[in-house]
């Protein structure tokens, strides 16, 4: 394992979460590690891992190169680990529409961009839009890609129907048509079809009956097969199935952009939504959102928020054809990985809601413990893990799976007091604190019971 000492933010999360009895990493002062700079430069010259990987496992997934790096987000940021993981899984074929917010600032601030490419030059295509229309922005990207791939499919069908088309073109074209909507299948078939088309067009026609025409056209064959093969090659960037993602925070998803988000989910198209839920408007200075929980202190809720947290996931589930998951990486990385893979593979709309500790939550243990804060949140019943997969209905199974263990609600108040967004209420408005905290505990308990009943249906 090689660390870039000049890019490390010093958050200590890697050390904190290391499961080994003897930590694989230890924090040391920068000036003692400057010799590692040369090692980092050397590590960048090494080839990417080419061995067989089981991407269903957390360990193997981390051998994939992240296509999101050195973002410049706050040290210990709870959002960036999710983005990094998604680019490891799907980054070489991703298209991202990013709502304005923290994720657009650390995701695209000039003069650098943390999104990068693999050794083949493939990486996420990223663009930023506003709070109010990011879901529609991403949906438009998907519509454009879908339309262009439909035309590509038509050209491949015409190409393999040409009687004299080369056998390897016909074979590769048929394989691509059978796998065009499968990520790995389309990737393998695309490589074969591109090679077959490049080998099959503009062959040497010297000495044939078409030589004169071929020479007149600058040694370019204008037959139907070659013309169609060139059209396929012109759109070869679309041969591999695209993974369209719409990123944003809770201010976008729960509040300002919710109307557009709901509209996009309702269209039953193959788009994926990632909600980075910090439960507050983080980028604009800590204003309360509809994701903020009862009793939390924030701007516009200085005396504690009076209403409970909106259940965005349950609202999305009401459609019945939307894949919905709620995750917390620090609590259960395997469940997070499973949810992201299921969401991306689902041939329809999906939304994954991620718990993201943030500086604006004022965690007393510090952001060096942000991953452990996720674990505490799930253990005490503050945050719940689940997956709702409509595909299970066709199998005669309950689409809702509750992945959270039975919470220990006796730890919930201790968790709340570990964050100054709650503790400040008790200090500044003690006359309201007890009642609001009791309501928050009741809200969390009721939410878990609701999920438990869904899981038992």
Protein backbone atom coordinates (compact mmCIF):
# COMPACT_ATOMS: atom_id res chain seq x y z
CA UNK A 1 0.00 0.00 0.00
CA UNK A 2 1.50 3.34 -1.06
CA UNK A 3 0.20 6.68 0.21
CA UNK A 4 0.60 10.02 -1.54
CA UNK A 5 1.94 11.98 1.40
CA UNK A 6 1.38 15.34 -0.28
CA UNK A 7 -2.28 14.59 -0.97
CA UNK A 8 -3.19 12.97 2.37
CA UNK A 9 -5.56 15.22 4.34
CA UNK A 10 -4.55 13.67 7.65
CA UNK A 11 -8.11 12.73 8.60
CA UNK A 12 -6.95 9.38 10.11
CA UNK A 13 -10.06 7.47 8.97
CA UNK A 14 -7.92 4.83 7.24
CA UNK A 15 -6.15 4.14 10.52
CA UNK A 16 -9.32 4.26 12.57
CA UNK A 17 -11.25 1.73 10.49
CA UNK A 18 -8.38 -0.71 9.83
CA UNK A 19 -9.69 -4.09 11.12
CA UNK A 20 -6.22 -5.58 11.75
CA UNK A 21 -5.02 -6.09 15.32
CA UNK A 22 -1.77 -4.44 14.31
CA UNK A 23 -2.70 -1.41 12.21
CA UNK A 24 -1.51 -1.49 8.61
CA UNK A 25 -1.05 2.29 8.68
CA UNK A 26 0.05 4.76 11.33
CA UNK A 27 -0.07 8.53 11.25
CA UNK A 28 3.28 10.32 11.21
CA UNK A 29 4.35 13.97 10.71
CA UNK A 30 4.66 15.05 7.07
CA UNK A 31 8.32 16.03 7.31
CA UNK A 32 9.24 12.46 8.31
CA UNK A 33 7.58 10.96 5.23
CA UNK A 34 8.87 13.08 2.38
CA UNK A 35 11.03 10.20 1.18
CA UNK A 36 7.77 8.49 0.24
CA UNK A 37 7.15 11.01 -2.54
CA UNK A 38 9.53 9.14 -4.85
CA UNK A 39 7.83 5.86 -3.99
CA UNK A 40 4.46 7.37 -4.88
CA UNK A 41 5.77 8.55 -8.25
CA UNK A 42 7.10 5.06 -8.92
CA UNK A 43 3.80 3.46 -7.89
CA UNK A 44 2.04 5.55 -10.55
CA UNK A 45 4.08 3.81 -13.26
CA UNK A 46 2.93 0.32 -12.26
CA UNK A 47 0.22 -1.37 -14.37
CA UNK A 48 -3.30 -1.73 -13.04
CA UNK A 49 -4.22 -5.07 -11.49
CA UNK A 50 -5.27 -7.54 -14.19
CA UNK A 51 -6.10 -10.60 -12.09
CA UNK A 52 -9.53 -12.12 -11.56
CA UNK A 53 -11.62 -10.15 -9.08
CA UNK A 54 -14.90 -10.91 -7.35
CA UNK A 55 -16.44 -7.43 -7.25
CA UNK A 56 -19.20 -8.70 -4.97
CA UNK A 57 -16.68 -8.65 -2.11
CA UNK A 58 -15.41 -5.54 -0.37
CA UNK A 59 -11.79 -6.72 -0.44
CA UNK A 60 -11.64 -7.48 -4.16
CA UNK A 61 -13.49 -4.31 -5.13
CA UNK A 62 -10.65 -2.27 -3.64
CA UNK A 63 -8.15 -3.67 -6.13
CA UNK A 64 -9.93 -1.63 -8.82
CA UNK A 65 -8.40 1.77 -9.53
CA UNK A 66 -10.54 4.62 -8.16
CA UNK A 67 -11.44 7.07 -10.92
CA UNK A 68 -12.07 9.75 -8.30
CA UNK A 69 -9.01 10.94 -6.40
CA UNK A 70 -7.61 13.84 -4.34
CA UNK A 71 -10.88 15.77 -4.27
CA UNK A 72 -9.91 18.47 -1.80
CA UNK A 73 -13.05 17.81 0.25
CA UNK A 74 -12.96 18.43 4.00
CA UNK A 75 -10.75 16.01 5.93
CA UNK A 76 -12.88 13.04 6.98
CA UNK A 77 -15.72 13.91 4.58
CA UNK A 78 -18.47 11.29 4.74
CA UNK A 79 -19.50 11.77 1.08
CA UNK A 80 -16.33 11.11 -0.91
CA UNK A 81 -15.88 7.43 0.07
CA UNK A 82 -19.17 6.61 -1.68
CA UNK A 83 -18.16 8.48 -4.84
CA UNK A 84 -14.76 6.77 -4.85
CA UNK A 85 -16.38 3.33 -4.53
CA UNK A 86 -18.86 3.94 -7.34
CA UNK A 87 -16.06 4.96 -9.71
CA UNK A 88 -14.17 1.78 -8.82
CA UNK A 89 -17.22 -0.28 -9.77
CA UNK A 90 -18.58 1.57 -12.83
CA UNK A 91 -16.27 4.53 -13.48
CA UNK A 92 -14.97 3.51 -16.90
CA UNK A 93 -18.49 3.81 -18.35
CA UNK A 94 -20.12 6.39 -16.09
CA UNK A 95 -21.99 9.57 -17.01
CA UNK A 96 -22.59 11.83 -13.99
CA UNK A 97 -25.00 14.75 -13.55
CA UNK A 98 -24.00 16.51 -10.33
CA UNK A 99 -26.26 18.90 -8.43
CA UNK A 100 -24.72 22.07 -7.06
CA UNK A 101 -23.46 21.49 -3.53
CA UNK A 102 -20.43 20.04 -1.78
CA UNK A 103 -20.16 17.23 -4.32
CA UNK A 104 -20.03 19.68 -7.23
CA UNK A 105 -17.43 21.84 -5.48
CA UNK A 106 -14.99 19.06 -4.59
CA UNK A 107 -15.99 17.30 -7.82
CA UNK A 108 -15.19 20.06 -10.28
CA UNK A 109 -13.40 23.07 -8.83
CA UNK A 110 -11.00 24.79 -11.19
CA UNK A 111 -8.18 24.32 -11.95
CA UNK A 112 -8.30 20.62 -11.10
CA UNK A 113 -10.83 17.84 -11.39
CA UNK A 114 -10.66 14.74 -9.18
CA UNK A 115 -12.33 12.51 -11.76
CA UNK A 116 -9.70 10.68 -13.76
CA UNK A 117 -9.24 7.87 -16.29
CA UNK A 118 -7.86 4.35 -16.28
CA UNK A 119 -4.91 3.19 -18.36
CA UNK A 120 -7.22 2.82 -21.37
CA UNK A 121 -8.26 6.46 -21.13
CA UNK A 122 -11.75 5.63 -19.90
CA UNK A 123 -13.35 7.43 -16.97
CA UNK A 124 -16.49 9.22 -15.79
CA UNK A 125 -18.00 11.96 -17.96
CA UNK A 126 -19.04 14.60 -15.42
CA UNK A 127 -21.10 17.78 -15.58
CA UNK A 128 -22.71 20.04 -12.99
CA UNK A 129 -26.19 21.53 -12.98
CA UNK A 130 -28.26 23.57 -10.55
CA UNK A 131 -30.19 22.49 -7.48
CA UNK A 132 -33.55 22.88 -9.15
CA UNK A 133 -32.98 20.88 -12.32
CA UNK A 134 -30.19 18.36 -11.79
CA UNK A 135 -32.46 15.31 -11.93
CA UNK A 136 -33.90 16.52 -15.25
CA UNK A 137 -30.35 17.31 -16.43
CA UNK A 138 -29.27 13.73 -15.78
CA UNK A 139 -32.48 12.37 -17.25
CA UNK A 140 -31.73 14.31 -20.44
CA UNK A 141 -28.28 12.74 -20.60
CA UNK A 142 -29.93 9.33 -20.36
CA UNK A 143 -32.49 10.17 -23.05
CA UNK A 144 -29.75 11.31 -25.41
CA UNK A 145 -27.66 8.21 -24.79
CA UNK A 146 -30.69 5.93 -25.19
CA UNK A 147 -31.66 7.54 -28.52
CA UNK A 148 -28.13 7.35 -29.90
CA UNK A 149 -27.77 3.71 -28.86
CA UNK A 150 -31.10 2.91 -30.54
CA UNK A 151 -29.71 4.29 -33.82
CA UNK A 152 -26.47 2.34 -33.26
CA UNK A 153 -28.48 -0.83 -32.75
CA UNK A 154 -30.32 -0.19 -36.03
CA UNK A 155 -27.01 0.20 -37.88
CA UNK A 156 -25.59 -3.02 -36.40
CA UNK A 157 -28.75 -4.89 -37.39
CA UNK A 158 -28.46 -3.58 -40.95
CA UNK A 159 -24.74 -4.40 -41.05
CA UNK A 160 -25.06 -8.06 -40.08
CA UNK A 161 -27.97 -8.40 -42.50
CA UNK A 162 -25.72 -7.53 -45.47
CA UNK A 163 -25.18 -10.84 -47.23
CA UNK A 164 -21.50 -10.32 -48.05
CA UNK A 165 -20.48 -8.83 -44.69
CA UNK A 166 -17.51 -10.64 -43.15
CA UNK A 167 -18.33 -13.61 -40.91
CA UNK A 168 -16.52 -12.15 -37.90
CA UNK A 169 -18.53 -8.92 -38.24
CA UNK A 170 -21.76 -10.88 -38.35
CA UNK A 171 -20.74 -12.94 -35.32
CA UNK A 172 -19.54 -9.96 -33.26
CA UNK A 173 -22.58 -7.90 -34.25
CA UNK A 174 -24.97 -10.63 -33.16
CA UNK A 175 -23.13 -11.00 -29.84
CA UNK A 176 -23.36 -7.26 -29.23
CA UNK A 177 -27.07 -7.14 -30.02
CA UNK A 178 -27.67 -9.94 -27.53
CA UNK A 179 -25.66 -8.17 -24.81
CA UNK A 180 -26.05 -4.44 -25.52
CA UNK A 181 -27.93 -3.82 -22.27
CA UNK A 182 -25.57 -5.87 -20.12
CA UNK A 183 -22.55 -4.03 -18.73
CA UNK A 184 -19.85 -6.71 -18.94
CA UNK A 185 -21.45 -8.47 -21.92
CA UNK A 186 -21.56 -5.29 -23.98
CA UNK A 187 -17.95 -4.47 -23.04
CA UNK A 188 -16.64 -7.82 -24.31
CA UNK A 189 -18.81 -7.78 -27.43
CA UNK A 190 -17.87 -4.16 -28.18
CA UNK A 191 -14.16 -5.00 -28.30
CA UNK A 192 -14.84 -7.82 -30.77
CA UNK A 193 -17.14 -5.71 -32.96
CA UNK A 194 -14.72 -2.78 -33.12
CA UNK A 195 -11.83 -5.07 -34.10
CA UNK A 196 -13.96 -6.84 -36.72
CA UNK A 197 -15.17 -3.57 -38.27
CA UNK A 198 -11.68 -2.04 -38.34
CA UNK A 199 -10.28 -5.16 -40.02
CA UNK A 200 -13.19 -5.46 -42.43
CA UNK A 201 -13.44 -1.96 -43.93
CA UNK A 202 -11.42 -0.47 -46.75
CA UNK A 203 -9.62 -3.67 -47.72
CA UNK A 204 -7.29 -3.61 -50.70
CA UNK A 205 -9.43 -3.95 -53.84
CA UNK A 206 -6.52 -3.93 -56.28
CA UNK A 207 -7.22 -6.27 -59.18
CA UNK A 208 -10.94 -6.55 -58.48
CA UNK A 209 -13.87 -5.29 -60.53
CA UNK A 210 -14.32 -2.49 -57.99
CA UNK A 211 -10.74 -1.20 -58.23
CA UNK A 212 -11.49 1.86 -60.38
CA UNK A 213 -14.30 3.07 -58.12
CA UNK A 214 -12.17 2.34 -55.05
CA UNK A 215 -9.28 4.42 -56.38
CA UNK A 216 -11.64 7.23 -57.42
CA UNK A 217 -12.92 7.41 -53.85
CA UNK A 218 -9.45 7.70 -52.38
CA UNK A 219 -9.19 3.98 -51.62
CA UNK A 220 -12.39 4.12 -49.58
CA UNK A 221 -14.91 1.37 -50.24
CA UNK A 222 -18.46 2.72 -50.52
CA UNK A 223 -20.28 -0.62 -50.40
CA UNK A 224 -23.18 -0.96 -47.96
CA UNK A 225 -21.23 -3.13 -45.51
CA UNK A 226 -18.21 -0.79 -45.28
CA UNK A 227 -20.44 2.27 -45.03
CA UNK A 228 -22.42 0.76 -42.15
CA UNK A 229 -19.23 -0.46 -40.44
CA UNK A 230 -17.88 3.10 -40.53
CA UNK A 231 -21.13 4.34 -38.97
CA UNK A 232 -20.75 1.78 -36.19
CA UNK A 233 -17.15 2.86 -35.57
CA UNK A 234 -18.19 6.52 -35.52
CA UNK A 235 -20.44 5.72 -32.54
CA UNK A 236 -18.17 3.14 -30.91
CA UNK A 237 -18.16 5.10 -27.65
CA UNK A 238 -21.78 3.94 -27.22
CA UNK A 239 -21.16 0.22 -27.70
CA UNK A 240 -20.52 -0.32 -23.98
CA UNK A 241 -23.65 0.16 -21.86
CA UNK A 242 -23.48 3.49 -20.04
CA UNK A 243 -24.01 3.84 -16.31
CA UNK A 244 -25.94 7.09 -15.84
CA UNK A 245 -25.79 8.57 -12.33
CA UNK A 246 -27.39 11.63 -10.78
CA UNK A 247 -25.46 12.89 -7.73
CA UNK A 248 -26.57 15.38 -5.11
CA UNK A 249 -26.98 16.15 -1.45
CA UNK A 250 -30.05 16.18 0.77
CA UNK A 251 -30.69 19.87 0.12
CA UNK A 252 -31.18 18.95 -3.52
CA UNK A 253 -32.91 15.57 -3.16
CA UNK A 254 -35.20 16.29 -0.20
CA UNK A 255 -35.86 19.97 -0.85
CA UNK A 256 -35.11 22.20 -3.82
CA UNK A 257 -34.75 19.48 -6.45
CA UNK A 258 -37.33 17.05 -5.09
CA UNK A 259 -40.01 17.85 -7.68
CA UNK A 260 -37.64 17.03 -10.52
CA UNK A 261 -36.26 13.98 -8.74
CA UNK A 262 -39.74 12.59 -8.20
CA UNK A 263 -40.61 13.22 -11.84
CA UNK A 264 -37.48 11.42 -13.06
CA UNK A 265 -38.02 8.40 -10.80
CA UNK A 266 -41.62 8.17 -12.04
CA UNK A 267 -40.52 7.82 -15.68
CA UNK A 268 -39.33 4.22 -15.16
CA UNK A 269 -36.10 4.77 -17.09
CA UNK A 270 -32.67 3.30 -16.35
CA UNK A 271 -31.10 6.09 -14.28
CA UNK A 272 -29.32 5.85 -10.93
CA UNK A 273 -29.54 8.44 -8.16
CA UNK A 274 -27.00 8.84 -5.36
CA UNK A 275 -28.14 10.98 -2.42
CA UNK A 276 -25.28 12.09 -0.17
CA UNK A 277 -27.27 12.76 2.98
CA UNK A 278 -25.59 15.01 5.55
CA UNK A 279 -28.98 16.02 6.97
CA UNK A 280 -28.18 19.71 6.45
CA UNK A 281 -27.28 22.15 3.68
CA UNK A 282 -23.54 21.63 4.07
CA UNK A 283 -22.06 23.69 1.25
CA UNK A 284 -24.06 26.86 1.96
CA UNK A 285 -23.25 27.01 5.65
CA UNK A 286 -25.45 24.61 7.57
CA UNK A 287 -29.10 25.45 6.97
CA UNK A 288 -31.82 22.97 8.00
CA UNK A 289 -33.29 20.77 5.27
CA UNK A 290 -36.24 18.38 5.21
CA UNK A 291 -33.66 15.70 5.88
CA UNK A 292 -32.67 17.34 9.18
CA UNK A 293 -34.00 15.36 12.17
CA UNK A 294 -36.14 16.53 15.05
CA UNK A 295 -34.17 18.54 17.59
CA UNK A 296 -31.16 19.25 15.39
CA UNK A 297 -29.81 22.79 15.61
CA UNK A 298 -29.06 24.45 12.27
CA UNK A 299 -29.55 27.76 10.57
CA UNK A 300 -33.29 28.48 10.32
CA UNK A 301 -33.73 26.01 13.20
CA UNK A 302 -31.64 27.67 15.90
CA UNK A 303 -33.96 26.37 18.64
CA UNK A 304 -34.02 22.85 17.21
CA UNK A 305 -35.98 21.55 14.22
CA UNK A 306 -39.58 20.90 15.21
CA UNK A 307 -40.53 18.38 12.51
CA UNK A 308 -39.22 14.90 11.80
CA UNK A 309 -36.93 13.84 8.98
CA UNK A 310 -38.63 13.22 5.64
CA UNK A 311 -38.61 9.57 4.57
CA UNK A 312 -37.38 9.95 1.00
CA UNK A 313 -36.79 6.23 0.55
CA UNK A 314 -40.31 5.23 1.55
CA UNK A 315 -41.76 7.82 -0.81
CA UNK A 316 -39.73 6.38 -3.70
CA UNK A 317 -40.82 2.85 -2.76
CA UNK A 318 -44.47 3.83 -3.22
CA UNK A 319 -44.03 3.61 -7.00
CA UNK A 320 -43.29 -0.10 -6.74
CA UNK A 321 -40.87 -0.07 -9.69
CA UNK A 322 -38.02 1.99 -8.21
CA UNK A 323 -35.00 0.29 -6.63
CA UNK A 324 -34.38 1.95 -3.25
CA UNK A 325 -31.57 1.44 -0.74
CA UNK A 326 -30.36 3.17 2.37
CA UNK A 327 -26.73 2.59 3.33
CA UNK A 328 -23.97 3.59 5.75
CA UNK A 329 -20.52 2.50 4.64
CA UNK A 330 -18.91 2.64 8.07
CA UNK A 331 -21.64 0.44 9.55
CA UNK A 332 -21.79 -2.24 6.85
CA UNK A 333 -19.48 -1.86 3.83
CA UNK A 334 -20.69 -5.17 2.36
CA UNK A 335 -24.31 -3.96 2.40
CA UNK A 336 -23.22 -0.69 0.78
CA UNK A 337 -21.39 -2.55 -1.99
CA UNK A 338 -24.34 -4.90 -2.52
CA UNK A 339 -26.82 -2.02 -2.73
CA UNK A 340 -24.75 -0.07 -5.26
CA UNK A 341 -24.27 -3.12 -7.48
CA UNK A 342 -27.97 -4.01 -7.31
CA UNK A 343 -29.02 -0.42 -8.02
CA UNK A 344 -26.78 -0.15 -11.06
CA UNK A 345 -27.85 -3.51 -12.47
CA UNK A 346 -31.56 -2.77 -12.01
CA UNK A 347 -33.08 -2.01 -15.46
CA UNK A 348 -35.08 0.96 -14.21
CA UNK A 349 -34.80 3.91 -11.83
CA UNK A 350 -32.80 3.46 -8.65
CA UNK A 351 -32.01 5.67 -5.66
CA UNK A 352 -29.36 4.99 -3.00
CA UNK A 353 -29.44 7.20 0.11
CA UNK A 354 -26.07 7.38 1.88
CA UNK A 355 -25.47 8.49 5.46
CA UNK A 356 -22.67 11.06 5.39
CA UNK A 357 -21.17 12.53 8.57
CA UNK A 358 -20.21 16.14 8.00
CA UNK A 359 -18.41 19.04 9.64
CA UNK A 360 -21.78 20.78 9.94
CA UNK A 361 -22.95 18.02 12.30
CA UNK A 362 -20.19 19.06 14.74
CA UNK A 363 -19.26 15.53 15.81
CA UNK A 364 -17.48 15.72 19.16
CA UNK A 365 -15.18 12.78 18.36
CA UNK A 366 -13.99 14.65 15.26
CA UNK A 367 -14.15 13.87 11.56
CA UNK A 368 -11.31 11.39 11.99
CA UNK A 369 -14.04 9.11 13.34
CA UNK A 370 -16.65 9.78 10.64
CA UNK A 371 -16.79 6.13 9.56
CA UNK A 372 -17.21 5.01 13.18
CA UNK A 373 -19.97 7.60 13.57
CA UNK A 374 -21.91 5.76 10.85
CA UNK A 375 -21.53 2.51 12.77
CA UNK A 376 -22.81 4.13 15.96
CA UNK A 377 -25.75 5.64 14.09
CA UNK A 378 -26.92 2.22 12.90
CA UNK A 379 -26.28 0.43 16.19
CA UNK A 380 -28.45 2.84 18.16
CA UNK A 381 -31.26 3.00 15.61
CA UNK A 382 -30.61 6.54 14.40
CA UNK A 383 -30.03 5.30 10.82
CA UNK A 384 -31.46 2.19 9.19
CA UNK A 385 -30.10 -0.01 6.42
CA UNK A 386 -32.41 -1.58 3.85
CA UNK A 387 -32.85 -2.52 0.21
CA UNK A 388 -36.05 -2.51 -1.85
CA UNK A 389 -35.61 -4.48 -5.08
CA UNK A 390 -38.73 -4.76 -7.33
CA UNK A 391 -37.16 -7.76 -9.13
CA UNK A 392 -37.80 -9.88 -6.07
CA UNK A 393 -41.57 -9.51 -6.53
CA UNK A 394 -41.45 -11.52 -9.76
CA UNK A 395 -39.65 -14.25 -7.80
CA UNK A 396 -42.45 -14.39 -5.26
CA UNK A 397 -40.27 -12.72 -2.61
CA UNK A 398 -40.72 -9.66 -0.45
CA UNK A 399 -39.02 -6.78 -2.33
CA UNK A 400 -38.09 -5.11 0.98
CA UNK A 401 -35.09 -6.38 2.94
CA UNK A 402 -34.20 -4.81 6.28
CA UNK A 403 -30.43 -5.09 6.66
CA UNK A 404 -30.14 -3.29 10.00
CA UNK A 405 -29.83 -5.40 13.14
CA UNK A 406 -32.25 -4.79 16.00
CA UNK A 407 -31.13 -1.37 17.29
CA UNK A 408 -30.12 -0.68 20.87
CA UNK A 409 -32.30 2.38 21.49
CA UNK A 410 -30.74 2.82 24.94
CA UNK A 411 -27.68 4.20 23.10
CA UNK A 412 -29.63 6.71 21.03
CA UNK A 413 -29.43 9.64 23.46
CA UNK A 414 -25.71 9.02 23.93
CA UNK A 415 -25.31 9.18 20.15
CA UNK A 416 -27.28 12.44 19.94
CA UNK A 417 -25.23 14.04 22.69
CA UNK A 418 -22.06 13.05 20.81
CA UNK A 419 -22.92 15.63 18.15
CA UNK A 420 -23.09 19.34 18.95
CA UNK A 421 -25.98 19.88 16.55
CA UNK A 422 -28.05 18.14 19.24
CA UNK A 423 -26.03 18.92 22.36
CA UNK A 424 -26.25 22.67 21.61
CA UNK A 425 -30.02 22.50 22.00
CA UNK A 426 -29.70 21.24 25.54
CA UNK A 427 -27.22 24.01 26.36
CA UNK A 428 -29.06 26.90 24.72
CA UNK A 429 -32.74 25.91 24.92
CA UNK A 430 -33.02 23.47 27.82
CA UNK A 431 -36.74 24.21 28.15
CA UNK A 432 -37.36 22.67 24.68
CA UNK A 433 -34.61 20.05 24.56
CA UNK A 434 -36.15 17.16 26.50
CA UNK A 435 -39.44 17.26 24.61
CA UNK A 436 -37.73 17.46 21.19
CA UNK A 437 -35.28 14.69 22.05
CA UNK A 438 -38.14 12.48 23.24
CA UNK A 439 -39.89 13.13 19.92
CA UNK A 440 -36.72 12.30 17.99
CA UNK A 441 -36.32 9.00 19.86
CA UNK A 442 -39.99 8.18 19.19
CA UNK A 443 -39.59 9.09 15.51
CA UNK A 444 -36.59 6.78 15.09
CA UNK A 445 -38.30 3.94 16.91
CA UNK A 446 -41.46 4.31 14.81
CA UNK A 447 -39.44 4.38 11.61
CA UNK A 448 -37.63 1.15 12.47
CA UNK A 449 -40.92 -0.54 13.41
CA UNK A 450 -42.39 0.54 10.09
CA UNK A 451 -39.46 -0.99 8.23
CA UNK A 452 -39.64 -4.15 10.31
CA UNK A 453 -43.32 -4.60 9.40
CA UNK A 454 -42.47 -4.12 5.72
CA UNK A 455 -39.77 -6.77 5.95
CA UNK A 456 -42.17 -9.25 7.56
CA UNK A 457 -44.90 -8.95 4.93
